[in-house]
Amino acid sequence: MILNTLIECLLWLGAIYLITNFLIQRDKIKLDATIVELKKERKTRKNFYNDLVKSYDNHKETISEHRKTIEIYGEYVEKSNEIIERLNDKIKQLEGEDSER
């Protein structure tokens, strides 16, 4: 009787161990799959971040080039204004000479 109870207990413990081991292995597989997905997502986010940084650097460089171009055009505008002032002065001078005659 005690031997039968002991054998029954051992069978139940074996069954519990097998079920528990199965559940642990199943959860481990799910966990490994989740880790793989998270690594993929991390790599994707890292690539996205690197692309953003490159894009920002390119925009910064483009803005710098535009500023240089604006400075050059500003110099041309200043020179053009000086030429226009000289031409206006010359026109006034010629108009003054014409009115004296």
N, C-alpha and C. Protein backbone atom coordinates (compact mmCIF):
# COMPACT_ATOMS: atom_id res chain seq x y z
N MET A 1 0.83 -1.19 0.00
CA MET A 1 0.00 0.00 0.00
C MET A 1 0.87 1.25 0.00
N ILE A 2 1.85 1.32 0.88
CA ILE A 2 2.75 2.47 0.92
C ILE A 2 3.56 2.52 -0.36
N LEU A 3 3.94 1.34 -0.87
CA LEU A 3 4.71 1.28 -2.11
C LEU A 3 3.88 1.79 -3.28
N ASN A 4 2.61 1.42 -3.33
CA ASN A 4 1.72 1.92 -4.40
C ASN A 4 1.56 3.44 -4.32
N THR A 5 1.39 3.96 -3.12
CA THR A 5 1.25 5.40 -2.92
C THR A 5 2.53 6.11 -3.32
N LEU A 6 3.67 5.54 -2.98
CA LEU A 6 4.96 6.12 -3.34
C LEU A 6 5.16 6.12 -4.86
N ILE A 7 4.79 5.03 -5.50
CA ILE A 7 4.90 4.94 -6.98
C ILE A 7 3.96 5.96 -7.62
N GLU A 8 2.72 6.06 -7.08
CA GLU A 8 1.76 7.03 -7.62
C GLU A 8 2.28 8.46 -7.46
N CYS A 9 2.89 8.76 -6.32
CA CYS A 9 3.46 10.09 -6.08
C CYS A 9 4.59 10.36 -7.07
N LEU A 10 5.42 9.36 -7.29
CA LEU A 10 6.53 9.53 -8.24
C LEU A 10 6.01 9.74 -9.66
N LEU A 11 4.96 9.02 -10.03
CA LEU A 11 4.36 9.21 -11.36
C LEU A 11 3.80 10.62 -11.50
N TRP A 12 3.10 11.09 -10.45
CA TRP A 12 2.55 12.45 -10.49
C TRP A 12 3.68 13.50 -10.55
N LEU A 13 4.71 13.29 -9.76
CA LEU A 13 5.85 14.22 -9.79
C LEU A 13 6.52 14.23 -11.17
N GLY A 14 6.64 13.05 -11.77
CA GLY A 14 7.20 12.95 -13.13
C GLY A 14 6.33 13.68 -14.14
N ALA A 15 5.01 13.50 -14.02
CA ALA A 15 4.09 14.18 -14.93
C ALA A 15 4.16 15.69 -14.75
N ILE A 16 4.18 16.12 -13.50
CA ILE A 16 4.28 17.56 -13.22
C ILE A 16 5.59 18.11 -13.78
N TYR A 17 6.68 17.34 -13.60
CA TYR A 17 7.98 17.78 -14.12
C TYR A 17 7.93 17.90 -15.64
N LEU A 18 7.36 16.91 -16.32
CA LEU A 18 7.29 16.94 -17.79
C LEU A 18 6.44 18.12 -18.27
N ILE A 19 5.30 18.35 -17.64
CA ILE A 19 4.42 19.46 -18.04
C ILE A 19 5.12 20.80 -17.78
N THR A 20 5.74 20.92 -16.62
CA THR A 20 6.45 22.15 -16.29
C THR A 20 7.60 22.39 -17.25
N ASN A 21 8.35 21.35 -17.54
CA ASN A 21 9.47 21.47 -18.47
C ASN A 21 8.98 21.88 -19.86
N PHE A 22 7.86 21.27 -20.30
CA PHE A 22 7.28 21.63 -21.59
C PHE A 22 6.88 23.11 -21.61
N LEU A 23 6.21 23.56 -20.56
CA LEU A 23 5.78 24.96 -20.49
C LEU A 23 6.97 25.91 -20.47
N ILE A 24 8.02 25.53 -19.73
CA ILE A 24 9.23 26.37 -19.67
C ILE A 24 9.88 26.45 -21.05
N GLN A 25 9.98 25.33 -21.75
CA GLN A 25 10.59 25.32 -23.07
C GLN A 25 9.76 26.16 -24.06
N ARG A 26 8.43 26.03 -23.96
CA ARG A 26 7.55 26.81 -24.84
C ARG A 26 7.73 28.31 -24.58
N ASP A 27 7.79 28.69 -23.32
CA ASP A 27 7.98 30.10 -22.98
C ASP A 27 9.36 30.58 -23.39
N LYS A 28 10.35 29.70 -23.29
CA LYS A 28 11.71 30.06 -23.71
C LYS A 28 11.75 30.32 -25.21
N ILE A 29 11.06 29.50 -25.98
CA ILE A 29 11.00 29.70 -27.43
C ILE A 29 10.32 31.03 -27.75
N LYS A 30 9.21 31.31 -27.06
CA LYS A 30 8.52 32.59 -27.27
C LYS A 30 9.43 33.76 -26.89
N LEU A 31 10.14 33.61 -25.79
CA LEU A 31 11.04 34.66 -25.34
C LEU A 31 12.17 34.88 -26.34
N ASP A 32 12.73 33.79 -26.86
CA ASP A 32 13.79 33.91 -27.86
C ASP A 32 13.28 34.61 -29.12
N ALA A 33 12.06 34.26 -29.53
CA ALA A 33 11.47 34.92 -30.70
C ALA A 33 11.26 36.41 -30.43
N THR A 34 10.83 36.74 -29.23
CA THR A 34 10.62 38.15 -28.87
C THR A 34 11.95 38.89 -28.87
N ILE A 35 12.99 38.26 -28.36
CA ILE A 35 14.32 38.88 -28.35
C ILE A 35 14.79 39.14 -29.78
N VAL A 36 14.58 38.17 -30.67
CA VAL A 36 14.97 38.36 -32.08
C VAL A 36 14.22 39.53 -32.68
N GLU A 37 12.91 39.62 -32.42
CA GLU A 37 12.10 40.74 -32.94
C GLU A 37 12.58 42.07 -32.39
N LEU A 38 12.90 42.09 -31.10
CA LEU A 38 13.37 43.33 -30.49
C LEU A 38 14.71 43.76 -31.07
N LYS A 39 15.58 42.79 -31.35
CA LYS A 39 16.87 43.12 -31.97
C LYS A 39 16.67 43.68 -33.37
N LYS A 40 15.73 43.10 -34.12
CA LYS A 40 15.42 43.62 -35.46
C LYS A 40 14.89 45.05 -35.36
N GLU A 41 13.97 45.27 -34.42
CA GLU A 41 13.39 46.60 -34.24
C GLU A 41 14.46 47.60 -33.82
N ARG A 42 15.34 47.16 -32.93
CA ARG A 42 16.43 48.04 -32.48
C ARG A 42 17.33 48.41 -33.65
N LYS A 43 17.64 47.42 -34.50
CA LYS A 43 18.48 47.69 -35.67
C LYS A 43 17.77 48.66 -36.62
N THR A 44 16.46 48.44 -36.80
CA THR A 44 15.69 49.33 -37.67
C THR A 44 15.68 50.75 -37.12
N ARG A 45 15.46 50.87 -35.81
CA ARG A 45 15.46 52.22 -35.20
C ARG A 45 16.83 52.86 -35.28
N LYS A 46 17.87 52.06 -35.10
CA LYS A 46 19.23 52.59 -35.17
C LYS A 46 19.51 53.09 -36.59
N ASN A 47 19.12 52.30 -37.60
CA ASN A 47 19.29 52.73 -38.99
C ASN A 47 18.50 54.00 -39.26
N PHE A 48 17.26 54.05 -38.74
CA PHE A 48 16.43 55.24 -38.92
C PHE A 48 17.09 56.45 -38.29
N TYR A 49 17.60 56.27 -37.09
CA TYR A 49 18.29 57.38 -36.39
C TYR A 49 19.51 57.82 -37.19
N ASN A 50 20.31 56.87 -37.67
CA ASN A 50 21.49 57.22 -38.45
C ASN A 50 21.10 57.97 -39.73
N ASP A 51 20.00 57.53 -40.36
CA ASP A 51 19.52 58.24 -41.55
C ASP A 51 19.09 59.67 -41.20
N LEU A 52 18.44 59.83 -40.05
CA LEU A 52 18.04 61.17 -39.62
C LEU A 52 19.25 62.07 -39.39
N VAL A 53 20.28 61.50 -38.76
CA VAL A 53 21.49 62.28 -38.51
C VAL A 53 22.14 62.69 -39.83
N LYS A 54 22.22 61.75 -40.77
CA LYS A 54 22.81 62.07 -42.08
C LYS A 54 21.98 63.15 -42.78
N SER A 55 20.66 63.00 -42.72
CA SER A 55 19.78 63.97 -43.35
C SER A 55 19.96 65.34 -42.72
N TYR A 56 20.05 65.39 -41.39
CA TYR A 56 20.26 66.65 -40.68
C TYR A 56 21.58 67.28 -41.11
N ASP A 57 22.64 66.46 -41.18
CA ASP A 57 23.94 66.98 -41.59
C ASP A 57 23.88 67.53 -43.02
N ASN A 58 23.19 66.81 -43.91
CA ASN A 58 23.05 67.28 -45.29
C ASN A 58 22.28 68.60 -45.35
N HIS A 59 21.20 68.70 -44.57
CA HIS A 59 20.42 69.94 -44.55
C HIS A 59 21.26 71.08 -43.98
N LYS A 60 22.03 70.78 -42.95
CA LYS A 60 22.88 71.80 -42.34
C LYS A 60 23.89 72.30 -43.38
N GLU A 61 24.46 71.37 -44.13
CA GLU A 61 25.42 71.75 -45.17
C GLU A 61 24.74 72.57 -46.27
N THR A 62 23.55 72.15 -46.66
CA THR A 62 22.80 72.88 -47.68
C THR A 62 22.47 74.29 -47.20
N ILE A 63 22.04 74.42 -45.96
CA ILE A 63 21.73 75.74 -45.40
C ILE A 63 22.98 76.60 -45.39
N SER A 64 24.11 76.03 -45.05
CA SER A 64 25.36 76.77 -45.04
C SER A 64 25.69 77.27 -46.45
N GLU A 65 25.50 76.39 -47.45
CA GLU A 65 25.74 76.79 -48.84
C GLU A 65 24.79 77.91 -49.26
N HIS A 66 23.51 77.81 -48.84
CA HIS A 66 22.54 78.85 -49.18
C HIS A 66 22.93 80.18 -48.54
N ARG A 67 23.41 80.14 -47.32
CA ARG A 67 23.84 81.37 -46.65
C ARG A 67 25.00 82.01 -47.41
N LYS A 68 25.95 81.20 -47.85
CA LYS A 68 27.07 81.73 -48.63
C LYS A 68 26.57 82.36 -49.92
N THR A 69 25.62 81.69 -50.58
CA THR A 69 25.05 82.23 -51.82
C THR A 69 24.34 83.54 -51.56
N ILE A 70 23.58 83.61 -50.46
CA ILE A 70 22.87 84.85 -50.11
C ILE A 70 23.87 85.98 -49.84
N GLU A 71 24.98 85.66 -49.17
CA GLU A 71 26.01 86.67 -48.92
C GLU A 71 26.59 87.19 -50.24
N ILE A 72 26.84 86.27 -51.17
CA ILE A 72 27.39 86.68 -52.48
C ILE A 72 26.38 87.57 -53.20
N TYR A 73 25.09 87.16 -53.21
CA TYR A 73 24.07 87.99 -53.86
C TYR A 73 23.94 89.33 -53.16
N GLY A 74 24.09 89.35 -51.83
CA GLY A 74 24.05 90.61 -51.09
C GLY A 74 25.16 91.54 -51.55
N GLU A 75 26.35 91.00 -51.78
CA GLU A 75 27.46 91.82 -52.28
C GLU A 75 27.13 92.36 -53.66
N TYR A 76 26.53 91.51 -54.52
CA TYR A 76 26.16 91.97 -55.85
C TYR A 76 25.12 93.08 -55.78
N VAL A 77 24.17 92.94 -54.84
CA VAL A 77 23.13 93.97 -54.68
C VAL A 77 23.78 95.28 -54.23
N GLU A 78 24.71 95.20 -53.29
CA GLU A 78 25.40 96.42 -52.85
C GLU A 78 26.15 97.07 -54.00
N LYS A 79 26.85 96.28 -54.79
CA LYS A 79 27.58 96.83 -55.94
C LYS A 79 26.61 97.43 -56.95
N SER A 80 25.48 96.73 -57.18
CA SER A 80 24.48 97.25 -58.11
C SER A 80 23.90 98.56 -57.60
N ASN A 81 23.65 98.66 -56.30
CA ASN A 81 23.12 99.90 -55.74
C ASN A 81 24.13 101.04 -55.90
N GLU A 82 25.42 100.74 -55.70
CA GLU A 82 26.45 101.77 -55.90
C GLU A 82 26.46 102.24 -57.36
N ILE A 83 26.36 101.29 -58.28
CA ILE A 83 26.35 101.65 -59.71
C ILE A 83 25.12 102.48 -60.03
N ILE A 84 23.97 102.08 -59.48
CA ILE A 84 22.73 102.83 -59.73
C ILE A 84 22.85 104.24 -59.16
N GLU A 85 23.43 104.39 -57.98
CA GLU A 85 23.63 105.73 -57.39
C GLU A 85 24.52 106.57 -58.28
N ARG A 86 25.62 105.98 -58.77
CA ARG A 86 26.52 106.74 -59.65
C ARG A 86 25.82 107.15 -60.94
N LEU A 87 25.02 106.22 -61.48
CA LEU A 87 24.29 106.54 -62.71
C LEU A 87 23.26 107.65 -62.45
N ASN A 88 22.59 107.59 -61.31
CA ASN A 88 21.62 108.64 -60.98
C ASN A 88 22.33 109.99 -60.82
N ASP A 89 23.51 109.96 -60.15
CA ASP A 89 24.28 111.19 -60.02
C ASP A 89 24.69 111.72 -61.39
N LYS A 90 25.11 110.83 -62.27
CA LYS A 90 25.53 111.23 -63.61
C LYS A 90 24.35 111.81 -64.38
N ILE A 91 23.16 111.17 -64.23
CA ILE A 91 21.95 111.66 -64.91
C ILE A 91 21.60 113.06 -64.40
N LYS A 92 21.66 113.25 -63.07
CA LYS A 92 21.37 114.57 -62.50
C LYS A 92 22.38 115.60 -63.00
N GLN A 93 23.64 115.19 -63.10
CA GLN A 93 24.68 116.11 -63.57
C GLN A 93 24.41 116.49 -65.02
N LEU A 94 24.05 115.49 -65.84
CA LEU A 94 23.77 115.78 -67.25
C LEU A 94 22.51 116.63 -67.39
N GLU A 95 21.50 116.36 -66.57
CA GLU A 95 20.28 117.16 -66.61
C GLU A 95 20.58 118.60 -66.20
N GLY A 96 21.49 118.76 -65.21
CA GLY A 96 21.88 120.09 -64.77
C GLY A 96 22.62 120.83 -65.88
N GLU A 97 23.47 120.15 -66.63
CA GLU A 97 24.21 120.75 -67.74
C GLU A 97 23.26 121.15 -68.86
N ASP A 98 22.23 120.30 -69.10
CA ASP A 98 21.25 120.58 -70.15
C ASP A 98 20.41 121.79 -69.79
N SER A 99 20.06 121.94 -68.52
CA SER A 99 19.23 123.06 -68.11
C SER A 99 20.03 124.38 -68.16
N GLU A 100 21.37 124.31 -68.00
CA GLU A 100 22.20 125.51 -68.06
C GLU A 100 22.31 126.00 -69.49
N ARG A 101 22.20 125.16 -70.41
CA ARG A 101 22.35 125.55 -71.82
C ARG A 101 21.15 126.18 -72.32
